[in-house]
Amino acid sequence: MRIKKIDIKNVKGIDHLCLDLDLIPNKPNIFVAPNGFGKSSFSIAFKSLNNSRLKLDKIDLHDGNEENKPELKIIIDEDNVEKILIANDTKNDINKEIDVFVINNQLVAKSTLFNISGRSIAKASLEILPNVIVQSIPERYIIKYSYLEEKKKFGENGKILPNIKEIFENRNILFILEKDVDFNKFTQIRTLRKIEEFKNRINSYKGSTAEIREKIMNNGILELEEIDEMKKITNIINQYEFESISDVLDSYLCAIQLVGILKINKNIKRFLDYQHYLNVKEKYIELLSNIDTTRFNKKPKEDSKKGLIMEWPKAYEISNGQRDILSFISSLVTAENIMNRKKCILIIDEVFDYLDDANLISCQYFITKYIEKMKKEGREFFPIIMTHLDPNVFNHFCFNKHKTKIKYMKEISDNVSNNLIKLIRNRGNELIDDEISKCYFHFYPNKLDISEYIGNLNLSNEWKNSEGFCKYIDMQTNKYVHNLDDYDSLAVCIGLRMHIEKYLYRRLSSEELKEKFLCIHGTKKKIENCLSVGIDVPDLFCLLGIIYNANLHIKNNEDIVTPLKYKLENITIRKMINSVLEYQ
């Protein structure tokens, strides 16, 4: 399955948003948009899905108007067949096929009223919402295995049975048996007859346990080998190493006992549900102990109404980093418990945007492991991370950029010159590498003429020398300053870089310092050099490294334009750049 489109109407800040996608399962998807665009509204649309419809609070309707009927539409492609899944205020087709879970910030403001001398005084505090790890705690139910009872039930030679108590202590094998074996088939008359024929034959033998086992092996166990579901059980058993099971006969004798117990036990589902719950609880406690660096050593608690919940200390009692990583991992565990269908969508709403480097790596690690788990299970998992950060932040850590899908939610047009793209692509050309970097992409007081290379590089004659190139850079930078839409973002990046370097160059006191400055690679290093010789460098010059240090190297078909354009469209960044360009 691929997700081709997501279409949202009338949800909070979204009037109508249609995203053309092509999401592949089991890959990280980074959805990028500036603050205020509607990322949280996007998440609210998915979080408001219930079993039967898309149910929004009034404050989450577009403009708070009840006449604005919400709708979430997902268009998927399965084997080149397009299908439209719609959720609105009357139906939810999405829930029939796809499990959805949303992780967002769990920090909330809470006001508590105190009565002091007859006056009600409110005291505000920040609290972390508890995580509901398991929504409903199943009834405690245990299946008791009695080896003595099983030998009596088998008959005269029950002594040959292996003691399989350890199997009932192994949750994993029980889950697999329940999933892969149809125990209802053991109620069929033909199957029951074969099992009884085998037992009667065995019980007719005389001798010690060893002698009876030898007779069985000599005469075969054909009756049991003809039962398909019995063979499934033995194949599953043989994947494990149990002390009591040493050969194929033990496997079948074990299977006979399991069939007898599980077939007649009407409460097997209750037993497995409770075992699954214990499994989840134990895994969560173990995981929490590995990542919890607080002094509180918190553990989940059982609440008869709320389920298995994790309550956190007050926000002021732990650091932001501790709070964010614990809350995120807890939510991820909850998602893993809730999402059981083959197709799943996980929305992570800006949780990553405020993490420090260590926690950013940790969160990406856990998501990567979750993706691997889902893929191994043959499931189609679509993790969507909402962020306002440059997606390159994620490429440096656990997410392999070749596996990550980037979607810029806000469509931004750009007027990048094809000649500039060609020039950037040719930066590595050994004929002009140093000259291009020095005179075209940085400030340089002298002109550079590359006329002899123009034909080979397929560049415009207007740029045969650095003077013509700088005129283009100045023109595009002026467009940006005057709020025109058709500016070249790459040119603005270079223009800002040149302006800063020119300003610093003019403040150097000697020709020797100036010559050294021109030979230094990188604007950041040039600034550091100026600081080392006592030049007063404005703070803005350092802060705008996010722009002038933008990637100006194109590898394959890498998009270097859109991330830069997003930053340049930020109102504060625009004001900062305008201020820098006023420096003379």
Protein backbone atom coordinates (compact mmCIF):
# COMPACT_ATOMS: atom_id res chain seq x y z
CA MET A 1 0.00 0.00 0.00
CA ARG A 2 1.05 3.60 -0.71
CA ILE A 3 -0.54 6.73 0.66
CA LYS A 4 -1.10 9.01 -2.35
CA LYS A 5 -2.94 11.93 -0.76
CA ILE A 6 -4.15 13.29 2.55
CA ASP A 7 -6.99 15.79 2.30
CA ILE A 8 -8.30 17.72 5.35
CA LYS A 9 -11.20 20.16 5.59
CA ASN A 10 -12.44 22.38 8.41
CA VAL A 11 -10.14 21.30 11.23
CA LYS A 12 -8.98 24.09 13.54
CA GLY A 13 -6.66 26.33 11.47
CA ILE A 14 -7.15 24.32 8.28
CA ASP A 15 -9.84 25.43 5.88
CA HIS A 16 -8.75 23.01 3.16
CA LEU A 17 -5.38 21.28 2.88
CA CYS A 18 -4.60 18.69 0.22
CA LEU A 19 -1.16 17.08 0.28
CA ASP A 20 0.04 15.16 -2.77
CA LEU A 21 2.24 12.42 -1.38
CA ASP A 22 3.62 9.05 -2.34
CA LEU A 23 4.38 7.51 1.02
CA ILE A 24 5.99 4.08 1.05
CA PRO A 25 5.43 1.85 4.11
CA ASN A 26 8.13 1.32 6.73
CA LYS A 27 10.06 4.50 5.91
CA PRO A 28 10.39 7.63 8.10
CA ASN A 29 8.35 10.51 6.67
CA ILE A 30 9.31 14.06 7.63
CA PHE A 31 6.53 16.63 7.10
CA VAL A 32 8.05 20.13 7.25
CA ALA A 33 6.13 23.38 7.67
CA PRO A 34 6.78 26.73 9.34
CA ASN A 35 5.18 27.55 12.68
CA GLY A 36 1.60 28.68 12.23
CA PHE A 37 1.03 26.70 9.04
CA GLY A 38 -1.25 24.07 10.59
CA LYS A 39 0.86 21.11 11.69
CA SER A 40 -1.06 20.81 14.97
CA SER A 41 -4.37 21.08 13.10
CA PHE A 42 -3.19 18.23 10.86
CA SER A 43 -2.50 16.13 13.97
CA ILE A 44 -5.83 17.04 15.58
CA ALA A 45 -7.64 15.70 12.50
CA PHE A 46 -6.06 12.27 13.01
CA LYS A 47 -6.34 12.35 16.81
CA SER A 48 -10.08 13.10 16.59
CA LEU A 49 -10.85 9.83 14.81
CA ASN A 50 -12.92 7.42 16.87
CA ASN A 51 -14.38 4.06 15.91
CA SER A 52 -17.38 5.48 14.09
CA ARG A 53 -16.60 9.05 12.96
CA LEU A 54 -14.42 12.13 13.02
CA LYS A 55 -15.44 13.79 16.27
CA LEU A 56 -14.04 17.25 17.01
CA ASP A 57 -14.62 19.55 19.94
CA LYS A 58 -16.19 22.84 18.90
CA ILE A 59 -12.94 24.72 19.51
CA ASP A 60 -11.22 22.39 17.02
CA LEU A 61 -13.66 23.14 14.19
CA HIS A 62 -12.42 25.64 11.63
CA ASP A 63 -13.12 29.14 13.00
CA GLY A 64 -15.04 27.43 15.87
CA ASN A 65 -18.04 27.31 13.53
CA GLU A 66 -20.27 24.21 13.80
CA GLU A 67 -21.43 24.81 10.22
CA ASN A 68 -17.90 23.94 9.06
CA LYS A 69 -18.20 20.17 8.79
CA PRO A 70 -14.83 18.42 9.26
CA GLU A 71 -13.51 15.81 6.87
CA LEU A 72 -10.35 13.69 6.67
CA LYS A 73 -9.72 11.86 3.43
CA ILE A 74 -6.87 9.42 2.75
CA ILE A 75 -6.31 8.20 -0.81
CA ILE A 76 -4.33 4.97 -0.95
CA ASP A 77 -3.00 2.78 -3.74
CA GLU A 78 -3.05 -1.00 -3.42
CA ASP A 79 -1.65 -2.95 -6.34
CA ASN A 80 -2.36 0.00 -8.67
CA VAL A 81 -5.97 0.21 -7.49
CA GLU A 82 -6.89 3.55 -5.93
CA LYS A 83 -9.12 3.59 -2.86
CA ILE A 84 -10.57 6.61 -1.03
CA LEU A 85 -11.06 6.36 2.74
CA ILE A 86 -13.20 9.12 4.27
CA ALA A 87 -13.93 10.11 7.86
CA ASN A 88 -16.40 12.87 8.67
CA ASP A 89 -18.97 13.66 11.35
CA THR A 90 -21.15 10.70 10.30
CA LYS A 91 -18.73 7.90 9.32
CA ASN A 92 -15.15 6.60 9.54
CA ASP A 93 -13.97 4.42 6.67
CA ILE A 94 -10.34 4.91 7.74
CA ASN A 95 -10.80 2.97 10.99
CA LYS A 96 -12.00 -0.07 9.05
CA GLU A 97 -8.59 -0.49 7.42
CA ILE A 98 -5.95 1.60 9.20
CA ASP A 99 -4.97 2.01 12.84
CA VAL A 100 -4.02 5.59 13.70
CA PHE A 101 -2.14 6.96 16.72
CA VAL A 102 -0.94 10.50 17.47
CA ILE A 103 1.92 11.44 19.79
CA ASN A 104 2.11 15.09 20.82
CA ASN A 105 3.35 17.24 23.66
CA GLN A 106 2.01 15.98 27.00
CA LEU A 107 2.79 19.20 28.91
CA VAL A 108 -0.33 21.14 30.00
CA ALA A 109 -1.05 24.17 32.12
CA LYS A 110 -3.20 23.51 35.18
CA SER A 111 -4.86 25.96 37.52
CA THR A 112 -5.65 25.03 41.13
CA LEU A 113 -7.98 27.14 43.29
CA PHE A 114 -7.04 27.83 46.91
CA ASN A 115 -9.35 29.35 49.48
CA ILE A 116 -7.32 31.88 51.47
CA SER A 117 -9.17 34.04 54.01
CA GLY A 118 -12.40 33.61 52.11
CA ARG A 119 -10.89 34.51 48.76
CA SER A 120 -10.40 32.09 45.87
CA ILE A 121 -6.88 32.38 44.54
CA ALA A 122 -5.73 30.44 41.49
CA LYS A 123 -2.25 29.01 41.29
CA ALA A 124 -0.94 27.95 37.91
CA SER A 125 1.44 25.06 37.31
CA LEU A 126 2.77 22.94 34.45
CA GLU A 127 1.93 19.25 34.57
CA ILE A 128 2.67 16.26 32.39
CA LEU A 129 -0.39 14.32 31.33
CA PRO A 130 -0.28 10.67 32.42
CA ASN A 131 0.35 8.11 29.69
CA VAL A 132 -2.26 5.39 29.33
CA ILE A 133 -0.09 2.42 28.36
CA VAL A 134 -2.87 -0.19 28.34
CA GLN A 135 -6.43 1.14 28.18
CA SER A 136 -8.13 -1.83 29.80
CA ILE A 137 -6.56 -4.29 32.21
CA PRO A 138 -7.78 -7.83 31.48
CA GLU A 139 -9.03 -10.12 34.21
CA ARG A 140 -6.33 -12.17 35.88
CA TYR A 141 -6.67 -15.73 34.63
CA ILE A 142 -4.26 -18.66 34.98
CA ILE A 143 -4.32 -22.10 33.35
CA LYS A 144 -3.05 -24.67 35.79
CA TYR A 145 -1.03 -27.50 34.34
CA SER A 146 -0.97 -30.77 36.34
CA TYR A 147 1.51 -33.36 35.07
CA LEU A 148 -0.06 -36.00 37.33
CA GLU A 149 -3.53 -35.24 35.96
CA GLU A 150 -2.31 -35.43 32.35
CA LYS A 151 -0.77 -38.87 32.90
CA LYS A 152 -4.06 -40.15 34.35
CA LYS A 153 -6.03 -38.73 31.42
CA PHE A 154 -3.71 -40.39 28.89
CA GLY A 155 -4.31 -43.87 30.26
CA GLU A 156 -2.28 -46.94 31.22
CA ASN A 157 1.00 -45.69 29.80
CA GLY A 158 0.71 -42.02 30.73
CA LYS A 159 4.18 -42.37 32.21
CA ILE A 160 5.72 -41.80 28.75
CA LEU A 161 4.42 -38.21 28.60
CA PRO A 162 6.96 -35.41 29.01
CA ASN A 163 6.30 -32.78 31.70
CA ILE A 164 5.48 -29.61 29.74
CA LYS A 165 5.04 -27.19 32.61
CA GLU A 166 7.76 -24.95 31.12
CA ILE A 167 5.66 -24.43 27.98
CA PHE A 168 2.88 -22.85 30.02
CA GLU A 169 5.48 -20.54 31.51
CA ASN A 170 6.59 -19.37 28.05
CA ARG A 171 4.27 -16.62 26.81
CA ASN A 172 5.79 -16.32 23.36
CA ILE A 173 5.06 -19.89 22.33
CA LEU A 174 1.51 -19.65 23.68
CA PHE A 175 0.89 -16.50 21.62
CA ILE A 176 2.22 -18.24 18.50
CA LEU A 177 0.15 -21.36 19.11
CA GLU A 178 -3.00 -19.31 19.55
CA LYS A 179 -2.26 -17.32 16.39
CA ASP A 180 -1.11 -20.09 14.03
CA VAL A 181 -3.04 -23.19 15.12
CA ASP A 182 -6.79 -23.69 14.64
CA PHE A 183 -7.72 -25.66 17.77
CA ASN A 184 -11.34 -25.88 16.59
CA LYS A 185 -10.22 -28.52 14.09
CA PHE A 186 -9.48 -30.84 16.98
CA THR A 187 -13.23 -31.13 17.56
CA GLN A 188 -13.65 -32.87 14.20
CA ILE A 189 -14.62 -36.54 14.51
CA ARG A 190 -11.95 -37.82 12.10
CA THR A 191 -9.18 -35.97 13.94
CA LEU A 192 -10.40 -37.11 17.36
CA ARG A 193 -10.53 -40.70 16.11
CA LYS A 194 -6.89 -40.61 14.95
CA ILE A 195 -5.73 -39.26 18.32
CA GLU A 196 -7.73 -41.90 20.21
CA GLU A 197 -6.38 -44.68 17.95
CA PHE A 198 -2.82 -43.57 18.74
CA LYS A 199 -3.48 -43.40 22.50
CA ASN A 200 -5.20 -46.80 22.54
CA ARG A 201 -2.30 -48.38 20.66
CA ILE A 202 0.25 -46.91 23.05
CA ASN A 203 -1.73 -47.94 26.12
CA SER A 204 -1.82 -51.53 24.85
CA TYR A 205 1.98 -51.83 25.06
CA LYS A 206 3.64 -53.49 28.02
CA GLY A 207 7.01 -52.76 29.56
CA SER A 208 9.11 -49.92 30.95
CA THR A 209 9.00 -46.35 29.66
CA ALA A 210 12.09 -46.96 27.55
CA GLU A 211 10.66 -50.19 26.10
CA ILE A 212 7.32 -48.57 25.27
CA ARG A 213 9.05 -45.60 23.58
CA GLU A 214 11.09 -48.04 21.49
CA LYS A 215 7.94 -49.89 20.37
CA ILE A 216 6.29 -46.61 19.41
CA MET A 217 9.28 -45.51 17.33
CA ASN A 218 9.47 -48.93 15.65
CA ASN A 219 5.77 -48.88 14.74
CA GLY A 220 5.62 -45.16 13.87
CA ILE A 221 3.21 -42.37 14.77
CA LEU A 222 1.38 -42.22 11.46
CA GLU A 223 -1.99 -41.42 13.05
CA LEU A 224 -0.66 -38.10 14.41
CA GLU A 225 1.48 -37.21 11.39
CA GLU A 226 -1.65 -37.24 9.23
CA ILE A 227 -3.17 -34.36 11.27
CA ASP A 228 -2.04 -31.05 9.76
CA GLU A 229 -2.74 -28.93 12.84
CA MET A 230 -0.84 -31.43 14.99
CA LYS A 231 2.19 -31.05 12.72
CA LYS A 232 1.91 -27.25 13.07
CA ILE A 233 2.09 -27.58 16.86
CA THR A 234 5.16 -29.81 16.74
CA ASN A 235 6.92 -27.47 14.29
CA ILE A 236 6.33 -24.54 16.66
CA ILE A 237 7.50 -26.55 19.68
CA ASN A 238 10.68 -27.60 17.86
CA GLN A 239 11.67 -23.96 17.39
CA TYR A 240 12.36 -23.82 21.13
CA GLU A 241 14.69 -25.75 23.39
CA PHE A 242 12.71 -27.38 26.20
CA GLU A 243 14.47 -29.73 28.61
CA SER A 244 11.60 -32.23 28.59
CA ILE A 245 11.43 -32.53 24.78
CA SER A 246 14.32 -34.41 23.19
CA ASP A 247 12.92 -35.99 20.03
CA VAL A 248 9.99 -36.06 17.59
CA LEU A 249 7.97 -38.41 19.83
CA ASP A 250 8.22 -36.00 22.75
CA SER A 251 7.01 -33.21 20.45
CA TYR A 252 3.88 -35.15 19.50
CA LEU A 253 3.22 -36.26 23.08
CA CYS A 254 3.53 -32.61 24.09
CA ALA A 255 1.10 -31.64 21.31
CA ILE A 256 -1.48 -34.18 22.54
CA GLN A 257 -1.41 -32.59 25.99
CA LEU A 258 -1.68 -29.06 24.58
CA VAL A 259 -4.64 -30.03 22.41
CA GLY A 260 -6.40 -31.60 25.37
CA ILE A 261 -5.89 -28.56 27.57
CA LEU A 262 -6.39 -25.73 25.05
CA LYS A 263 -9.22 -27.37 23.10
CA ILE A 264 -11.45 -27.89 26.10
CA ASN A 265 -10.50 -24.70 27.91
CA LYS A 266 -13.15 -22.14 26.97
CA ASN A 267 -11.18 -19.40 28.69
CA ILE A 268 -7.98 -19.71 26.65
CA LYS A 269 -8.50 -16.21 25.22
CA ARG A 270 -8.84 -14.79 28.73
CA PHE A 271 -5.62 -16.53 29.68
CA LEU A 272 -3.72 -15.25 26.63
CA ASP A 273 -5.09 -11.71 27.02
CA TYR A 274 -3.80 -11.62 30.58
CA GLN A 275 -0.44 -13.08 29.56
CA HIS A 276 -0.12 -10.48 26.82
CA TYR A 277 -0.88 -7.74 29.34
CA LEU A 278 1.80 -9.05 31.72
CA ASN A 279 4.23 -9.17 28.80
CA VAL A 280 3.58 -5.53 27.91
CA LYS A 281 3.82 -4.40 31.51
CA GLU A 282 7.14 -6.18 32.11
CA LYS A 283 8.66 -4.91 28.86
CA TYR A 284 7.60 -1.37 29.68
CA ILE A 285 9.08 -1.49 33.19
CA GLU A 286 12.34 -2.85 31.77
CA LEU A 287 12.45 -0.15 29.07
CA LEU A 288 11.67 2.58 31.57
CA SER A 289 14.43 1.43 33.91
CA ASN A 290 16.92 1.75 31.04
CA ILE A 291 16.01 5.35 30.09
CA ASP A 292 14.79 6.89 33.36
CA THR A 293 17.49 9.19 34.73
CA THR A 294 15.25 10.92 37.29
CA ARG A 295 15.51 10.30 41.01
CA PHE A 296 11.89 9.18 41.25
CA ASN A 297 12.18 5.65 39.78
CA LYS A 298 8.57 5.82 38.64
CA LYS A 299 6.66 2.69 37.68
CA PRO A 300 3.29 2.28 36.00
CA LYS A 301 0.27 1.65 38.18
CA GLU A 302 -2.95 -0.20 37.59
CA ASP A 303 -6.19 1.75 37.72
CA SER A 304 -9.45 -0.18 37.41
CA LYS A 305 -11.03 2.64 35.39
CA LYS A 306 -8.12 4.13 33.44
CA GLY A 307 -6.04 1.00 32.79
CA LEU A 308 -2.27 0.74 33.17
CA ILE A 309 -1.10 4.33 33.48
CA MET A 310 2.18 6.11 33.95
CA GLU A 311 1.99 9.22 36.11
CA TRP A 312 4.90 11.66 36.02
CA PRO A 313 6.43 14.05 38.52
CA LYS A 314 5.52 17.72 38.32
CA ALA A 315 7.11 19.44 35.33
CA TYR A 316 9.35 21.55 37.57
CA GLU A 317 10.69 18.46 39.36
CA ILE A 318 12.48 16.99 36.32
CA SER A 319 14.44 18.49 33.45
CA ASN A 320 12.85 19.19 30.08
CA GLY A 321 15.05 16.56 28.49
CA GLN A 322 14.05 13.88 31.00
CA ARG A 323 10.40 14.79 30.60
CA ASP A 324 10.48 14.73 26.79
CA ILE A 325 12.24 11.41 26.34
CA LEU A 326 10.20 9.58 29.02
CA SER A 327 6.91 10.94 27.73
CA PHE A 328 7.76 10.14 24.11
CA ILE A 329 8.89 6.56 24.75
CA SER A 330 5.81 5.92 26.92
CA SER A 331 3.57 7.18 24.13
CA LEU A 332 5.40 5.02 21.61
CA VAL A 333 4.81 1.93 23.79
CA THR A 334 1.11 2.86 23.98
CA ALA A 335 0.98 3.16 20.19
CA GLU A 336 2.57 -0.25 19.82
CA ASN A 337 -0.12 -1.79 22.04
CA ILE A 338 -3.03 -0.08 20.31
CA MET A 339 -2.05 -0.42 16.64
CA ASN A 340 -2.78 -4.04 15.75
CA ARG A 341 -3.92 -3.86 12.13
CA LYS A 342 -1.68 -4.59 9.17
CA LYS A 343 -1.85 -0.93 8.09
CA CYS A 344 -0.85 1.74 10.64
CA ILE A 345 -0.23 5.49 10.67
CA LEU A 346 1.73 7.10 13.50
CA ILE A 347 1.70 10.92 13.70
CA ILE A 348 4.42 12.54 15.84
CA ASP A 349 3.53 16.20 16.26
CA GLU A 350 6.62 18.40 16.80
CA VAL A 351 7.88 16.25 19.68
CA PHE A 352 11.34 16.20 18.09
CA ASP A 353 11.60 19.97 17.63
CA TYR A 354 12.63 20.76 21.19
CA LEU A 355 14.85 17.79 22.02
CA ASP A 356 18.55 18.09 22.69
CA ASP A 357 20.95 16.15 20.46
CA ALA A 358 21.18 13.10 22.73
CA ASN A 359 17.41 12.71 23.09
CA LEU A 360 16.94 13.37 19.37
CA ILE A 361 19.20 10.42 18.66
CA SER A 362 17.38 8.29 21.26
CA CYS A 363 13.94 9.00 19.82
CA GLN A 364 15.07 8.28 16.28
CA TYR A 365 16.63 5.04 17.50
CA PHE A 366 13.35 3.86 19.05
CA ILE A 367 11.34 4.80 15.95
CA THR A 368 13.85 2.98 13.75
CA LYS A 369 13.52 -0.15 15.93
CA TYR A 370 9.74 0.14 15.75
CA ILE A 371 9.88 0.38 11.95
CA GLU A 372 12.09 -2.72 11.82
CA LYS A 373 9.66 -4.60 14.07
CA MET A 374 6.65 -3.70 11.94
CA LYS A 375 8.48 -4.60 8.75
CA LYS A 376 9.49 -7.98 10.19
CA GLU A 377 5.85 -8.66 11.04
CA GLY A 378 4.86 -7.96 7.43
CA ARG A 379 2.93 -4.83 8.36
CA GLU A 380 2.60 -1.52 6.48
CA PHE A 381 3.66 1.20 8.87
CA PHE A 382 3.70 4.93 8.07
CA PRO A 383 5.47 7.04 10.72
CA ILE A 384 4.92 10.77 10.01
CA ILE A 385 7.05 13.27 11.92
CA MET A 386 5.71 16.84 11.94
CA THR A 387 8.43 19.46 12.31
CA HIS A 388 9.49 23.02 11.54
CA LEU A 389 13.15 22.00 11.61
CA ASP A 390 15.39 21.65 8.59
CA PRO A 391 15.03 17.94 7.67
CA ASN A 392 18.83 17.71 7.45
CA VAL A 393 18.75 17.65 11.27
CA PHE A 394 17.37 14.12 11.02
CA ASN A 395 19.79 12.95 8.33
CA HIS A 396 22.77 13.24 10.64
CA PHE A 397 21.46 10.71 13.15
CA CYS A 398 19.64 7.39 13.03
CA PHE A 399 17.43 8.03 10.01
CA ASN A 400 19.29 7.18 6.86
CA LYS A 401 18.54 10.01 4.43
CA HIS A 402 18.23 7.52 1.58
CA LYS A 403 15.27 5.98 3.39
CA THR A 404 13.59 9.18 4.54
CA LYS A 405 10.74 10.81 2.63
CA ILE A 406 10.61 14.62 2.97
CA LYS A 407 7.36 16.50 2.36
CA TYR A 408 7.20 20.29 2.54
CA MET A 409 3.61 21.00 3.52
CA LYS A 410 3.65 24.64 2.46
CA GLU A 411 4.16 25.02 -1.25
CA ILE A 412 6.79 27.70 -1.88
CA SER A 413 7.77 28.67 -5.42
CA ASP A 414 11.30 29.73 -6.19
CA ASN A 415 13.02 31.55 -9.04
CA VAL A 416 16.41 29.85 -8.85
CA SER A 417 18.58 30.46 -11.90
CA ASN A 418 19.44 27.39 -13.95
CA ASN A 419 22.85 28.99 -14.51
CA LEU A 420 23.41 29.15 -10.75
CA ILE A 421 22.41 25.51 -10.36
CA LYS A 422 24.88 24.60 -13.14
CA LEU A 423 27.60 26.62 -11.45
CA ILE A 424 27.00 24.88 -8.12
CA ARG A 425 27.02 21.48 -9.83
CA ASN A 426 30.40 22.37 -11.37
CA ARG A 427 32.00 23.48 -8.10
CA GLY A 428 33.99 20.30 -8.03
CA ASN A 429 35.36 20.82 -11.54
CA GLU A 430 39.12 20.83 -11.06
CA LEU A 431 39.50 23.54 -13.72
CA ILE A 432 37.71 26.20 -11.70
CA ASP A 433 37.16 24.76 -8.21
CA ASP A 434 39.28 27.15 -6.16
CA GLU A 435 38.48 30.19 -8.30
CA ILE A 436 34.72 29.63 -8.21
CA SER A 437 34.68 29.14 -4.44
CA LYS A 438 36.89 32.18 -3.87
CA CYS A 439 35.41 34.72 -6.30
CA TYR A 440 31.84 33.57 -7.07
CA PHE A 441 30.63 32.18 -3.75
CA HIS A 442 32.54 34.49 -1.40
CA PHE A 443 33.57 38.13 -1.35
CA TYR A 444 36.72 38.83 -3.38
CA PRO A 445 37.90 42.34 -4.31
CA ASN A 446 39.38 41.32 -7.66
CA LYS A 447 37.58 40.11 -10.78
CA LEU A 448 37.82 36.56 -12.07
CA ASP A 449 37.35 35.72 -15.75
CA ILE A 450 36.31 32.17 -16.66
CA SER A 451 35.50 32.88 -20.34
CA GLU A 452 37.61 29.97 -21.57
CA TYR A 453 35.56 27.52 -19.51
CA ILE A 454 32.08 28.92 -20.28
CA GLY A 455 31.46 26.51 -23.17
CA ASN A 456 32.52 23.43 -21.25
CA LEU A 457 30.41 24.44 -18.24
CA ASN A 458 27.39 25.38 -20.37
CA LEU A 459 27.00 28.70 -18.52
CA SER A 460 25.59 32.05 -19.67
CA ASN A 461 28.09 34.52 -21.16
CA GLU A 462 26.80 37.10 -18.69
CA TRP A 463 28.68 35.20 -16.01
CA LYS A 464 31.95 34.86 -17.83
CA ASN A 465 33.48 37.04 -15.14
CA SER A 466 32.74 37.46 -11.45
CA GLU A 467 31.59 41.06 -11.94
CA GLY A 468 28.60 39.96 -14.05
CA PHE A 469 27.81 37.25 -11.54
CA CYS A 470 27.90 39.71 -8.61
CA LYS A 471 25.47 42.02 -10.43
CA TYR A 472 22.99 39.13 -10.61
CA ILE A 473 23.51 38.37 -6.90
CA ASP A 474 22.90 42.02 -5.95
CA MET A 475 19.76 42.21 -8.08
CA GLN A 476 18.23 39.09 -6.47
CA THR A 477 19.19 40.21 -2.96
CA ASN A 478 17.45 43.54 -3.57
CA LYS A 479 14.32 41.69 -4.66
CA TYR A 480 14.35 39.84 -1.34
CA VAL A 481 14.88 43.06 0.62
CA HIS A 482 11.89 44.66 -1.13
CA ASN A 483 9.63 41.65 -0.42
CA LEU A 484 9.28 40.56 -4.05
CA ASP A 485 8.27 36.94 -4.52
CA ASP A 486 10.40 36.06 -7.54
CA TYR A 487 13.82 36.20 -5.88
CA ASP A 488 16.49 33.53 -6.26
CA SER A 489 17.01 32.04 -2.78
CA LEU A 490 20.47 30.65 -3.60
CA ALA A 491 21.52 34.09 -4.80
CA VAL A 492 20.27 35.65 -1.53
CA CYS A 493 22.35 33.12 0.43
CA ILE A 494 25.47 34.05 -1.54
CA GLY A 495 24.63 37.75 -1.38
CA LEU A 496 24.35 37.69 2.43
CA ARG A 497 27.62 35.79 2.64
CA MET A 498 29.41 38.30 0.39
CA HIS A 499 28.02 41.33 2.24
CA ILE A 500 29.17 40.05 5.64
CA GLU A 501 32.62 39.15 4.33
CA LYS A 502 32.99 42.51 2.56
CA TYR A 503 32.08 44.36 5.76
CA LEU A 504 34.67 42.41 7.77
CA TYR A 505 37.36 42.70 5.09
CA ARG A 506 37.13 46.48 5.12
CA ARG A 507 37.73 46.57 8.88
CA LEU A 508 40.99 44.67 8.78
CA SER A 509 43.89 47.02 9.48
CA SER A 510 46.62 45.65 7.22
CA GLU A 511 47.10 44.13 3.78
CA GLU A 512 48.62 41.08 5.42
CA LEU A 513 45.46 40.46 7.47
CA LYS A 514 43.29 41.05 4.42
CA GLU A 515 45.25 38.58 2.31
CA LYS A 516 45.00 35.95 5.05
CA PHE A 517 41.25 36.63 5.33
CA LEU A 518 40.71 35.99 1.60
CA CYS A 519 42.55 32.67 1.80
CA ILE A 520 40.38 31.32 4.62
CA HIS A 521 37.68 28.86 3.49
CA GLY A 522 34.17 29.39 4.88
CA THR A 523 32.36 32.45 6.23
CA LYS A 524 32.22 31.05 9.73
CA LYS A 525 36.01 30.61 9.85
CA LYS A 526 36.51 34.10 8.41
CA ILE A 527 34.37 35.49 11.25
CA GLU A 528 36.36 33.54 13.83
CA ASN A 529 39.58 34.93 12.38
CA CYS A 530 38.26 38.49 12.64
CA LEU A 531 37.26 37.95 16.25
CA SER A 532 40.76 36.65 17.02
CA VAL A 533 42.35 39.90 15.79
CA GLY A 534 39.99 42.14 17.71
CA ILE A 535 37.36 43.01 15.08
CA ASP A 536 33.95 43.80 16.60
CA VAL A 537 31.67 41.35 14.77
CA PRO A 538 27.91 42.07 15.08
CA ASP A 539 25.94 39.22 16.69
CA LEU A 540 23.63 39.08 13.69
CA PHE A 541 26.53 37.91 11.53
CA CYS A 542 26.94 34.81 13.66
CA LEU A 543 23.23 34.13 14.09
CA LEU A 544 22.60 34.15 10.34
CA GLY A 545 24.98 31.25 9.81
CA ILE A 546 21.79 29.24 9.37
CA ILE A 547 21.45 31.04 6.02
CA TYR A 548 24.95 31.71 4.68
CA ASN A 549 26.18 28.26 5.74
CA ALA A 550 23.42 26.63 3.68
CA ASN A 551 24.51 23.65 1.63
CA LEU A 552 25.78 24.86 -1.78
CA HIS A 553 26.88 21.43 -2.98
CA ILE A 554 24.45 19.30 -4.99
CA LYS A 555 24.76 15.53 -4.71
CA ASN A 556 22.66 13.52 -7.15
CA ASN A 557 19.19 15.13 -7.16
CA GLU A 558 19.36 16.52 -3.63
CA ASP A 559 17.03 19.47 -2.97
CA ILE A 560 19.11 22.31 -1.53
CA VAL A 561 16.66 25.04 -2.50
CA THR A 562 13.47 24.28 -0.53
CA PRO A 563 15.05 24.12 2.97
CA LEU A 564 16.77 27.45 2.31
CA LYS A 565 13.62 29.06 0.92
CA TYR A 566 11.67 27.97 4.00
CA LYS A 567 14.16 29.73 6.25
CA LEU A 568 14.24 32.87 4.12
CA GLU A 569 10.44 33.15 4.31
CA ASN A 570 10.57 33.36 8.10
CA ILE A 571 9.57 36.90 9.11
CA THR A 572 12.27 37.23 11.78
CA ILE A 573 14.99 35.90 9.46
CA ARG A 574 13.92 38.41 6.79
CA LYS A 575 14.20 41.29 9.27
CA MET A 576 17.60 40.08 10.45
CA ILE A 577 18.96 39.86 6.89
CA ASN A 578 17.59 43.32 6.06
CA SER A 579 19.40 44.67 9.12
CA VAL A 580 22.69 43.05 8.09
CA LEU A 581 22.46 44.43 4.57
CA GLU A 582 22.28 47.93 6.06
CA TYR A 583 25.78 47.53 7.51
CA GLN A 584 28.31 49.48 5.41
